[in-house]
Amino acid sequence: MLSTVKVNGLLVLGVVLVVVASLWLVKTWVWTNNSGEDDLSSLNGLDTAEIPAHCEEHRHDPCALFKCMVDSCWCFEGYPGPALYEGDGFVLSEAEARYAVGDYLESRGGLTVKNAVKLNEAFYNVFAEDAEGNEEVFTVAADGSIIKTICGV
């Protein structure tokens, strides 16, 4: 009887080890690429956003992509340039866009985030005000980049 319990215990332990090893192998094959890194580790929000075919060539340039996807708008070209913050993550909602600009403005001071509006699958406009009620608009790309943009005719 005692030897049967030992055999059953060893059998259960062996099955558990095989299951754990199998799960580890499946995780490695499914979730990693050839260099052993997570497939999603090198992606950002612009890599996964739905971009119109005619704008696809600009996917990795937030300013060129913004100009292509938003009518009568472009990036600010003066000093210090359009890129206020280089993103490399994901911004998937108005709340996340507000948070990104709020985080950026913390170091700058003087402005408070009021609202955010989704422009399309790749961009959000975030509105901030100073103490006198003067509004400033920041554009946030799906990768978290914050750019200064202008719209007009």
N, C-alpha and C. Protein backbone atom coordinates (compact mmCIF):
# COMPACT_ATOMS: atom_id res chain seq x y z
N MET A 1 0.82 -1.19 0.00
CA MET A 1 0.00 0.00 0.00
C MET A 1 0.86 1.24 0.00
N LEU A 2 1.93 1.25 0.81
CA LEU A 2 2.81 2.41 0.90
C LEU A 2 3.53 2.65 -0.43
N SER A 3 3.93 1.56 -1.09
CA SER A 3 4.63 1.73 -2.37
C SER A 3 3.67 2.24 -3.45
N THR A 4 2.39 1.90 -3.36
CA THR A 4 1.40 2.41 -4.31
C THR A 4 1.21 3.91 -4.13
N VAL A 5 1.22 4.39 -2.89
CA VAL A 5 1.09 5.82 -2.61
C VAL A 5 2.30 6.57 -3.16
N LYS A 6 3.52 5.99 -2.96
CA LYS A 6 4.73 6.62 -3.48
C LYS A 6 4.68 6.70 -5.00
N VAL A 7 4.28 5.64 -5.65
CA VAL A 7 4.21 5.61 -7.11
C VAL A 7 3.18 6.62 -7.60
N ASN A 8 2.01 6.65 -6.96
CA ASN A 8 0.99 7.62 -7.37
C ASN A 8 1.47 9.05 -7.15
N GLY A 9 2.15 9.30 -6.03
CA GLY A 9 2.69 10.63 -5.75
C GLY A 9 3.73 11.04 -6.78
N LEU A 10 4.61 10.12 -7.13
CA LEU A 10 5.62 10.40 -8.16
C LEU A 10 4.97 10.62 -9.52
N LEU A 11 3.95 9.84 -9.80
CA LEU A 11 3.24 9.99 -11.07
C LEU A 11 2.58 11.36 -11.16
N VAL A 12 1.93 11.80 -10.09
CA VAL A 12 1.30 13.12 -10.06
C VAL A 12 2.36 14.21 -10.22
N LEU A 13 3.48 14.08 -9.51
CA LEU A 13 4.56 15.05 -9.61
C LEU A 13 5.11 15.10 -11.04
N GLY A 14 5.26 13.95 -11.65
CA GLY A 14 5.74 13.90 -13.04
C GLY A 14 4.79 14.58 -14.00
N VAL A 15 3.50 14.35 -13.83
CA VAL A 15 2.49 14.98 -14.69
C VAL A 15 2.52 16.49 -14.52
N VAL A 16 2.63 16.96 -13.28
CA VAL A 16 2.68 18.40 -13.01
C VAL A 16 3.90 19.01 -13.69
N LEU A 17 5.06 18.36 -13.58
CA LEU A 17 6.28 18.87 -14.21
C LEU A 17 6.14 18.92 -15.73
N VAL A 18 5.55 17.91 -16.32
CA VAL A 18 5.35 17.88 -17.77
C VAL A 18 4.41 19.01 -18.20
N VAL A 19 3.34 19.24 -17.45
CA VAL A 19 2.39 20.30 -17.78
C VAL A 19 3.08 21.66 -17.68
N VAL A 20 3.84 21.89 -16.62
CA VAL A 20 4.54 23.17 -16.45
C VAL A 20 5.53 23.39 -17.58
N ALA A 21 6.30 22.37 -17.91
CA ALA A 21 7.28 22.49 -19.00
C ALA A 21 6.57 22.76 -20.33
N SER A 22 5.45 22.09 -20.57
CA SER A 22 4.69 22.30 -21.81
C SER A 22 4.16 23.72 -21.90
N LEU A 23 3.61 24.22 -20.79
CA LEU A 23 3.11 25.59 -20.79
C LEU A 23 4.23 26.59 -21.04
N TRP A 24 5.39 26.35 -20.46
CA TRP A 24 6.52 27.25 -20.68
C TRP A 24 6.94 27.25 -22.14
N LEU A 25 6.99 26.07 -22.76
CA LEU A 25 7.36 25.98 -24.17
C LEU A 25 6.33 26.68 -25.06
N VAL A 26 5.06 26.46 -24.79
CA VAL A 26 4.01 27.11 -25.58
C VAL A 26 4.11 28.62 -25.43
N LYS A 27 4.30 29.11 -24.21
CA LYS A 27 4.45 30.55 -23.99
C LYS A 27 5.63 31.08 -24.79
N THR A 28 6.74 30.36 -24.76
CA THR A 28 7.94 30.80 -25.48
C THR A 28 7.69 30.84 -26.98
N TRP A 29 7.06 29.83 -27.54
CA TRP A 29 6.82 29.78 -28.98
C TRP A 29 5.79 30.79 -29.42
N VAL A 30 4.74 30.97 -28.67
CA VAL A 30 3.64 31.84 -29.09
C VAL A 30 3.93 33.31 -28.82
N TRP A 31 4.48 33.64 -27.66
CA TRP A 31 4.58 35.03 -27.24
C TRP A 31 5.91 35.70 -27.50
N THR A 32 6.91 34.98 -28.02
CA THR A 32 8.19 35.63 -28.26
C THR A 32 8.61 35.48 -29.71
N ASN A 33 9.46 36.42 -30.14
CA ASN A 33 9.99 36.34 -31.49
C ASN A 33 11.33 35.63 -31.46
N ASN A 34 12.05 35.63 -32.57
CA ASN A 34 13.29 34.88 -32.66
C ASN A 34 14.39 35.40 -31.75
N SER A 35 14.38 36.66 -31.39
CA SER A 35 15.42 37.20 -30.51
C SER A 35 15.05 37.03 -29.04
N GLY A 36 13.97 36.35 -28.75
CA GLY A 36 13.60 36.08 -27.37
C GLY A 36 12.89 37.21 -26.67
N GLU A 37 12.50 38.25 -27.40
CA GLU A 37 11.79 39.38 -26.81
C GLU A 37 10.30 39.22 -27.06
N ASP A 38 9.49 39.80 -26.18
CA ASP A 38 8.05 39.78 -26.41
C ASP A 38 7.74 40.47 -27.72
N ASP A 39 6.85 39.89 -28.51
CA ASP A 39 6.49 40.47 -29.80
C ASP A 39 5.97 41.90 -29.66
N LEU A 40 5.23 42.19 -28.60
CA LEU A 40 4.63 43.51 -28.43
C LEU A 40 5.60 44.52 -27.84
N SER A 41 6.78 44.08 -27.40
CA SER A 41 7.69 44.99 -26.72
C SER A 41 8.21 46.09 -27.63
N SER A 42 8.28 45.83 -28.92
CA SER A 42 8.82 46.84 -29.82
C SER A 42 7.71 47.64 -30.51
N LEU A 43 6.46 47.37 -30.18
CA LEU A 43 5.35 48.09 -30.80
C LEU A 43 4.93 49.28 -29.96
N ASN A 44 4.29 50.24 -30.62
CA ASN A 44 3.68 51.36 -29.92
C ASN A 44 2.32 51.62 -30.54
N GLY A 45 1.63 52.63 -30.04
CA GLY A 45 0.27 52.90 -30.49
C GLY A 45 0.13 53.23 -31.96
N LEU A 46 1.15 53.84 -32.56
CA LEU A 46 1.07 54.12 -34.00
C LEU A 46 1.27 52.86 -34.83
N ASP A 47 1.99 51.87 -34.29
CA ASP A 47 2.17 50.61 -35.00
C ASP A 47 0.86 49.84 -35.10
N THR A 48 0.00 49.98 -34.12
CA THR A 48 -1.22 49.18 -34.07
C THR A 48 -2.49 49.96 -34.45
N ALA A 49 -2.39 51.28 -34.60
CA ALA A 49 -3.57 52.08 -34.95
C ALA A 49 -4.00 51.80 -36.39
N GLU A 50 -5.30 51.91 -36.63
CA GLU A 50 -5.80 51.76 -37.99
C GLU A 50 -5.51 53.05 -38.76
N ILE A 51 -4.64 52.94 -39.76
CA ILE A 51 -4.20 54.08 -40.55
C ILE A 51 -4.75 53.90 -41.97
N PRO A 52 -5.31 54.97 -42.56
CA PRO A 52 -5.78 54.86 -43.95
C PRO A 52 -4.62 54.46 -44.87
N ALA A 53 -4.93 53.70 -45.90
CA ALA A 53 -3.89 53.20 -46.81
C ALA A 53 -3.05 54.33 -47.40
N HIS A 54 -3.69 55.45 -47.73
CA HIS A 54 -2.93 56.55 -48.35
C HIS A 54 -2.00 57.26 -47.37
N CYS A 55 -2.10 56.96 -46.09
CA CYS A 55 -1.22 57.57 -45.07
C CYS A 55 -0.23 56.57 -44.48
N GLU A 56 -0.31 55.32 -44.90
CA GLU A 56 0.50 54.25 -44.31
C GLU A 56 1.99 54.56 -44.33
N GLU A 57 2.48 55.20 -45.37
CA GLU A 57 3.92 55.50 -45.46
C GLU A 57 4.40 56.44 -44.35
N HIS A 58 3.48 57.15 -43.71
CA HIS A 58 3.83 58.11 -42.66
C HIS A 58 3.63 57.55 -41.24
N ARG A 59 3.34 56.27 -41.12
CA ARG A 59 2.99 55.66 -39.84
C ARG A 59 3.99 55.98 -38.72
N HIS A 60 5.26 56.07 -39.02
CA HIS A 60 6.27 56.26 -37.97
C HIS A 60 6.74 57.70 -37.83
N ASP A 61 6.03 58.63 -38.46
CA ASP A 61 6.35 60.06 -38.35
C ASP A 61 5.07 60.78 -37.92
N PRO A 62 4.91 61.05 -36.61
CA PRO A 62 3.65 61.63 -36.13
C PRO A 62 3.23 62.91 -36.86
N CYS A 63 4.18 63.78 -37.21
CA CYS A 63 3.80 65.02 -37.89
C CYS A 63 3.29 64.77 -39.31
N ALA A 64 4.00 63.97 -40.07
CA ALA A 64 3.56 63.67 -41.43
C ALA A 64 2.24 62.91 -41.41
N LEU A 65 2.09 62.00 -40.46
CA LEU A 65 0.85 61.24 -40.34
C LEU A 65 -0.31 62.16 -39.96
N PHE A 66 -0.08 63.10 -39.05
CA PHE A 66 -1.12 64.05 -38.65
C PHE A 66 -1.58 64.87 -39.86
N LYS A 67 -0.62 65.38 -40.62
CA LYS A 67 -0.95 66.18 -41.80
C LYS A 67 -1.76 65.36 -42.81
N CYS A 68 -1.42 64.10 -42.96
CA CYS A 68 -2.12 63.23 -43.90
C CYS A 68 -3.53 62.88 -43.43
N MET A 69 -3.71 62.68 -42.12
CA MET A 69 -4.98 62.19 -41.60
C MET A 69 -5.97 63.27 -41.19
N VAL A 70 -5.50 64.51 -40.96
CA VAL A 70 -6.39 65.57 -40.47
C VAL A 70 -6.38 66.71 -41.49
N ASP A 71 -7.54 66.97 -42.09
CA ASP A 71 -7.65 68.00 -43.12
C ASP A 71 -7.30 69.38 -42.59
N SER A 72 -6.57 70.14 -43.39
CA SER A 72 -6.22 71.54 -43.12
C SER A 72 -5.45 71.73 -41.82
N CYS A 73 -4.69 70.71 -41.40
CA CYS A 73 -3.88 70.80 -40.19
C CYS A 73 -2.47 70.29 -40.47
N TRP A 74 -1.51 70.79 -39.70
CA TRP A 74 -0.13 70.40 -39.87
C TRP A 74 0.62 70.66 -38.56
N CYS A 75 1.86 70.25 -38.50
CA CYS A 75 2.68 70.47 -37.31
C CYS A 75 3.30 71.86 -37.33
N PHE A 76 3.42 72.43 -36.16
CA PHE A 76 4.08 73.72 -35.97
C PHE A 76 5.54 73.57 -36.40
N GLU A 77 6.04 74.55 -37.16
CA GLU A 77 7.39 74.42 -37.70
C GLU A 77 8.39 75.40 -37.09
N GLY A 78 7.98 76.20 -36.12
CA GLY A 78 8.89 77.16 -35.50
C GLY A 78 9.71 76.54 -34.38
N TYR A 79 10.45 77.38 -33.69
CA TYR A 79 11.25 76.93 -32.56
C TYR A 79 10.34 76.60 -31.38
N PRO A 80 10.49 75.60 -30.64
CA PRO A 80 11.56 74.59 -30.64
C PRO A 80 11.24 73.40 -31.54
N GLY A 81 10.25 73.50 -32.36
CA GLY A 81 9.87 72.40 -33.24
C GLY A 81 8.56 71.80 -32.78
N PRO A 82 7.99 70.91 -33.59
CA PRO A 82 6.66 70.38 -33.27
C PRO A 82 6.66 69.32 -32.17
N ALA A 83 7.73 68.57 -32.03
CA ALA A 83 7.74 67.47 -31.06
C ALA A 83 8.06 68.01 -29.67
N LEU A 84 7.06 68.02 -28.81
CA LEU A 84 7.26 68.45 -27.43
C LEU A 84 7.70 67.28 -26.56
N TYR A 85 7.25 66.08 -26.93
CA TYR A 85 7.59 64.88 -26.18
C TYR A 85 7.56 63.70 -27.14
N GLU A 86 8.62 62.90 -27.16
CA GLU A 86 8.69 61.72 -28.02
C GLU A 86 8.09 60.53 -27.28
N GLY A 87 7.01 59.99 -27.80
CA GLY A 87 6.37 58.86 -27.15
C GLY A 87 6.86 57.54 -27.69
N ASP A 88 6.68 56.49 -26.90
CA ASP A 88 7.03 55.15 -27.34
C ASP A 88 6.17 54.14 -26.61
N GLY A 89 4.88 54.46 -26.50
CA GLY A 89 3.98 53.58 -25.77
C GLY A 89 2.63 53.54 -26.45
N PHE A 90 1.58 53.50 -25.65
CA PHE A 90 0.22 53.42 -26.16
C PHE A 90 -0.65 54.46 -25.48
N VAL A 91 -1.41 55.21 -26.27
CA VAL A 91 -2.47 56.09 -25.78
C VAL A 91 -3.72 55.64 -26.52
N LEU A 92 -4.67 55.07 -25.78
CA LEU A 92 -5.82 54.43 -26.41
C LEU A 92 -7.15 55.08 -26.06
N SER A 93 -7.13 56.19 -25.33
CA SER A 93 -8.39 56.83 -24.94
C SER A 93 -8.16 58.30 -24.64
N GLU A 94 -9.27 59.04 -24.55
CA GLU A 94 -9.18 60.45 -24.18
C GLU A 94 -8.57 60.61 -22.79
N ALA A 95 -8.93 59.71 -21.88
CA ALA A 95 -8.39 59.78 -20.52
C ALA A 95 -6.87 59.61 -20.52
N GLU A 96 -6.37 58.68 -21.31
CA GLU A 96 -4.92 58.48 -21.39
C GLU A 96 -4.24 59.67 -22.04
N ALA A 97 -4.88 60.29 -23.03
CA ALA A 97 -4.32 61.49 -23.67
C ALA A 97 -4.25 62.64 -22.67
N ARG A 98 -5.33 62.82 -21.89
CA ARG A 98 -5.32 63.86 -20.85
C ARG A 98 -4.20 63.61 -19.84
N TYR A 99 -4.04 62.36 -19.44
CA TYR A 99 -3.00 62.02 -18.48
C TYR A 99 -1.61 62.32 -19.05
N ALA A 100 -1.38 61.95 -20.33
CA ALA A 100 -0.07 62.19 -20.96
C ALA A 100 0.27 63.67 -20.98
N VAL A 101 -0.70 64.51 -21.36
CA VAL A 101 -0.45 65.96 -21.40
C VAL A 101 -0.31 66.50 -19.98
N GLY A 102 -1.13 66.04 -19.06
CA GLY A 102 -1.02 66.48 -17.67
C GLY A 102 0.35 66.17 -17.10
N ASP A 103 0.85 64.98 -17.40
CA ASP A 103 2.18 64.58 -16.93
C ASP A 103 3.25 65.49 -17.55
N TYR A 104 3.11 65.78 -18.84
CA TYR A 104 4.05 66.68 -19.52
C TYR A 104 4.00 68.08 -18.92
N LEU A 105 2.80 68.57 -18.65
CA LEU A 105 2.64 69.94 -18.14
C LEU A 105 3.10 70.10 -16.69
N GLU A 106 3.17 69.01 -15.94
CA GLU A 106 3.63 69.09 -14.55
C GLU A 106 4.99 69.76 -14.46
N SER A 107 5.89 69.40 -15.37
CA SER A 107 7.23 69.98 -15.35
C SER A 107 7.23 71.41 -15.87
N ARG A 108 6.29 71.72 -16.72
CA ARG A 108 6.22 73.04 -17.33
C ARG A 108 5.47 74.03 -16.44
N GLY A 109 4.40 73.58 -15.83
CA GLY A 109 3.59 74.42 -14.94
C GLY A 109 2.78 75.47 -15.67
N GLY A 110 1.82 76.05 -14.95
CA GLY A 110 1.03 77.15 -15.49
C GLY A 110 -0.21 76.78 -16.27
N LEU A 111 -0.34 75.53 -16.68
CA LEU A 111 -1.51 75.10 -17.45
C LEU A 111 -2.18 73.92 -16.77
N THR A 112 -3.50 73.87 -16.92
CA THR A 112 -4.29 72.78 -16.37
C THR A 112 -5.08 72.12 -17.50
N VAL A 113 -5.01 70.80 -17.58
CA VAL A 113 -5.75 70.06 -18.61
C VAL A 113 -7.24 70.14 -18.32
N LYS A 114 -8.03 70.47 -19.36
CA LYS A 114 -9.47 70.60 -19.21
C LYS A 114 -10.25 69.49 -19.92
N ASN A 115 -9.83 69.13 -21.14
CA ASN A 115 -10.64 68.21 -21.93
C ASN A 115 -9.77 67.56 -23.00
N ALA A 116 -10.24 66.45 -23.53
CA ALA A 116 -9.57 65.79 -24.65
C ALA A 116 -10.63 65.30 -25.63
N VAL A 117 -10.28 65.32 -26.90
CA VAL A 117 -11.18 64.89 -27.96
C VAL A 117 -10.42 63.97 -28.91
N LYS A 118 -11.03 62.83 -29.23
CA LYS A 118 -10.42 61.91 -30.18
C LYS A 118 -10.66 62.44 -31.58
N LEU A 119 -9.57 62.65 -32.34
CA LEU A 119 -9.70 63.13 -33.71
C LEU A 119 -9.91 61.97 -34.68
N ASN A 120 -9.18 60.89 -34.46
CA ASN A 120 -9.25 59.69 -35.31
C ASN A 120 -8.54 58.56 -34.56
N GLU A 121 -8.22 57.48 -35.24
CA GLU A 121 -7.61 56.33 -34.58
C GLU A 121 -6.19 56.59 -34.10
N ALA A 122 -5.56 57.66 -34.57
CA ALA A 122 -4.15 57.89 -34.24
C ALA A 122 -3.89 59.14 -33.41
N PHE A 123 -4.89 60.05 -33.28
CA PHE A 123 -4.61 61.33 -32.63
C PHE A 123 -5.75 61.81 -31.73
N TYR A 124 -5.34 62.55 -30.69
CA TYR A 124 -6.26 63.19 -29.75
C TYR A 124 -5.83 64.64 -29.60
N ASN A 125 -6.78 65.56 -29.49
CA ASN A 125 -6.47 66.93 -29.10
C ASN A 125 -6.79 67.08 -27.63
N VAL A 126 -5.86 67.66 -26.89
CA VAL A 126 -6.04 67.88 -25.45
C VAL A 126 -5.99 69.38 -25.21
N PHE A 127 -7.00 69.89 -24.52
CA PHE A 127 -7.14 71.32 -24.27
C PHE A 127 -6.72 71.63 -22.84
N ALA A 128 -5.87 72.65 -22.70
CA ALA A 128 -5.41 73.09 -21.38
C ALA A 128 -5.60 74.59 -21.27
N GLU A 129 -5.76 75.08 -20.04
CA GLU A 129 -5.95 76.51 -19.80
C GLU A 129 -4.97 77.00 -18.75
N ASP A 130 -4.61 78.30 -18.87
CA ASP A 130 -3.82 78.93 -17.81
C ASP A 130 -4.78 79.58 -16.82
N ALA A 131 -4.25 80.26 -15.83
CA ALA A 131 -5.06 80.87 -14.76
C ALA A 131 -6.01 81.93 -15.30
N GLU A 132 -5.66 82.58 -16.42
CA GLU A 132 -6.52 83.62 -17.00
C GLU A 132 -7.56 83.07 -17.97
N GLY A 133 -7.57 81.76 -18.18
CA GLY A 133 -8.54 81.15 -19.07
C GLY A 133 -8.08 81.07 -20.52
N ASN A 134 -6.82 81.39 -20.80
CA ASN A 134 -6.28 81.26 -22.15
C ASN A 134 -6.05 79.79 -22.46
N GLU A 135 -6.55 79.36 -23.61
CA GLU A 135 -6.51 77.95 -23.97
C GLU A 135 -5.30 77.64 -24.84
N GLU A 136 -4.74 76.46 -24.63
CA GLU A 136 -3.67 75.94 -25.47
C GLU A 136 -4.03 74.51 -25.82
N VAL A 137 -3.77 74.13 -27.07
CA VAL A 137 -4.14 72.79 -27.54
C VAL A 137 -2.87 71.99 -27.79
N PHE A 138 -2.88 70.75 -27.32
CA PHE A 138 -1.78 69.82 -27.55
C PHE A 138 -2.34 68.63 -28.30
N THR A 139 -1.60 68.12 -29.27
CA THR A 139 -2.02 66.93 -30.00
C THR A 139 -1.20 65.75 -29.51
N VAL A 140 -1.89 64.67 -29.16
CA VAL A 140 -1.24 63.47 -28.65
C VAL A 140 -1.44 62.36 -29.68
N ALA A 141 -0.33 61.75 -30.10
CA ALA A 141 -0.39 60.62 -31.03
C ALA A 141 -0.64 59.34 -30.23
N ALA A 142 -1.08 58.31 -30.93
CA ALA A 142 -1.38 57.03 -30.28
C ALA A 142 -0.16 56.39 -29.63
N ASP A 143 1.04 56.84 -29.99
CA ASP A 143 2.25 56.32 -29.35
C ASP A 143 2.65 57.12 -28.12
N GLY A 144 1.88 58.17 -27.80
CA GLY A 144 2.17 59.00 -26.64
C GLY A 144 2.97 60.25 -26.96
N SER A 145 3.39 60.42 -28.22
CA SER A 145 4.10 61.64 -28.61
C SER A 145 3.16 62.82 -28.45
N ILE A 146 3.70 63.93 -27.97
CA ILE A 146 2.92 65.17 -27.86
C ILE A 146 3.52 66.15 -28.85
N ILE A 147 2.68 66.62 -29.78
CA ILE A 147 3.15 67.52 -30.83
C ILE A 147 2.34 68.80 -30.84
N LYS A 148 2.96 69.85 -31.31
CA LYS A 148 2.29 71.15 -31.45
C LYS A 148 1.78 71.22 -32.88
N THR A 149 0.48 71.43 -33.02
CA THR A 149 -0.13 71.44 -34.35
C THR A 149 -0.89 72.74 -34.59
N ILE A 150 -1.14 73.00 -35.87
CA ILE A 150 -1.87 74.19 -36.30
C ILE A 150 -2.93 73.74 -37.30
N CYS A 151 -4.11 74.32 -37.21
CA CYS A 151 -5.16 74.05 -38.19
C CYS A 151 -5.62 75.38 -38.77
N GLY A 152 -5.94 75.38 -40.02
CA GLY A 152 -6.40 76.59 -40.69
C GLY A 152 -6.61 76.34 -42.16
N VAL A 153 -6.72 77.43 -42.89
CA VAL A 153 -6.92 77.31 -44.34
C VAL A 153 -5.78 77.93 -45.09
